[in-house]
Amino acid sequence: MVKRISTSSSNIYEGFKRIRASRGDEDLAHIILGVAKISAKNRLTIPKEVLTKYGFKKGDLILFVEEEGKLVVKKGLMTRIG
């Protein structure tokens, strides 16, 4: 029998927490703030913890920037275009 693995964002995040606990890697808690999954329509839901911690609000622009070969997500300076 094959066990189906859930791929919901919350289950993936819980998996990261279990791996961290099993490895004793407490520093990882400060790196992973949450997990998001891209939908079939290429939509991304930002975890509530990230929205709250960084003060994102409806209508805010989010910038995807490459810095030293890494993807960095930044809050845009403007909240609306047009």
Protein backbone atom coordinates (compact mmCIF):
# COMPACT_ATOMS: atom_id res chain seq x y z
CA MET A 1 0.00 0.00 0.00
CA VAL A 2 1.28 3.45 -0.93
CA LYS A 3 0.81 6.19 1.63
CA ARG A 4 -0.32 9.47 0.09
CA ILE A 5 1.72 12.45 1.21
CA SER A 6 -0.13 15.72 1.63
CA THR A 7 1.45 18.66 -0.13
CA SER A 8 -0.48 21.44 1.57
CA SER A 9 1.68 24.36 2.64
CA SER A 10 0.96 23.81 6.32
CA ASN A 11 1.97 20.14 6.11
CA ILE A 12 5.19 20.99 4.27
CA TYR A 13 6.02 23.61 6.91
CA GLU A 14 5.34 21.09 9.68
CA GLY A 15 7.70 18.70 7.88
CA PHE A 16 10.45 21.33 7.90
CA LYS A 17 9.91 21.83 11.63
CA ARG A 18 10.17 18.05 12.25
CA ILE A 19 13.39 17.83 10.21
CA ARG A 20 14.83 20.78 12.14
CA ALA A 21 13.94 19.16 15.46
CA SER A 22 15.42 15.81 14.46
CA ARG A 23 18.67 17.46 13.33
CA GLY A 24 18.86 19.77 16.31
CA ASP A 25 19.14 22.69 13.92
CA GLU A 26 17.65 25.55 15.92
CA ASP A 27 19.05 28.20 13.55
CA LEU A 28 16.71 26.97 10.78
CA ALA A 29 13.78 28.35 12.81
CA HIS A 30 15.01 31.86 12.04
CA ILE A 31 15.40 31.20 8.33
CA ILE A 32 12.12 29.51 7.33
CA LEU A 33 9.19 31.79 8.13
CA GLY A 34 6.65 29.76 6.22
CA VAL A 35 6.05 27.78 3.05
CA ALA A 36 3.93 28.63 0.01
CA LYS A 37 2.96 26.56 -3.00
CA ILE A 38 2.34 27.97 -6.48
CA SER A 39 -1.19 27.14 -7.67
CA ALA A 40 -2.22 25.89 -11.11
CA LYS A 41 -2.95 29.53 -12.02
CA ASN A 42 0.56 30.62 -10.89
CA ARG A 43 -0.78 32.25 -7.74
CA LEU A 44 1.18 32.34 -4.53
CA THR A 45 -0.35 32.77 -1.08
CA ILE A 46 2.00 34.46 1.36
CA PRO A 47 1.88 32.85 4.82
CA LYS A 48 0.04 34.89 7.45
CA GLU A 49 3.13 34.92 9.70
CA VAL A 50 5.12 36.67 6.95
CA LEU A 51 2.33 39.17 6.21
CA THR A 52 2.07 40.07 9.89
CA LYS A 53 5.79 40.19 10.64
CA TYR A 54 6.61 42.47 7.69
CA GLY A 55 3.41 44.53 7.65
CA PHE A 56 2.16 43.56 4.18
CA LYS A 57 -1.34 44.80 3.42
CA LYS A 58 -3.85 44.34 0.60
CA GLY A 59 -2.67 46.31 -2.43
CA ASP A 60 1.03 46.39 -1.47
CA LEU A 61 3.51 45.67 -4.23
CA ILE A 62 5.91 42.80 -3.72
CA LEU A 63 9.26 42.81 -5.51
CA PHE A 64 11.13 39.64 -6.47
CA VAL A 65 14.81 40.58 -6.62
CA GLU A 66 17.90 38.51 -7.36
CA GLU A 67 20.79 39.27 -5.02
CA GLU A 68 24.01 37.27 -5.25
CA GLY A 69 22.19 34.44 -7.03
CA LYS A 70 19.39 34.23 -4.43
CA LEU A 71 15.75 35.19 -4.73
CA VAL A 72 14.83 37.94 -2.27
CA VAL A 73 11.27 39.11 -1.65
CA LYS A 74 10.93 42.81 -0.80
CA LYS A 75 8.08 45.14 -0.04
CA GLY A 76 7.65 47.69 -2.83
CA LEU A 77 7.90 51.41 -2.15
CA MET A 78 4.54 52.19 -3.79
CA THR A 79 1.27 50.56 -2.85
CA ARG A 80 -0.59 51.14 -6.14
CA ILE A 81 0.12 51.61 -9.80
CA GLY A 82 -2.10 53.82 -11.96
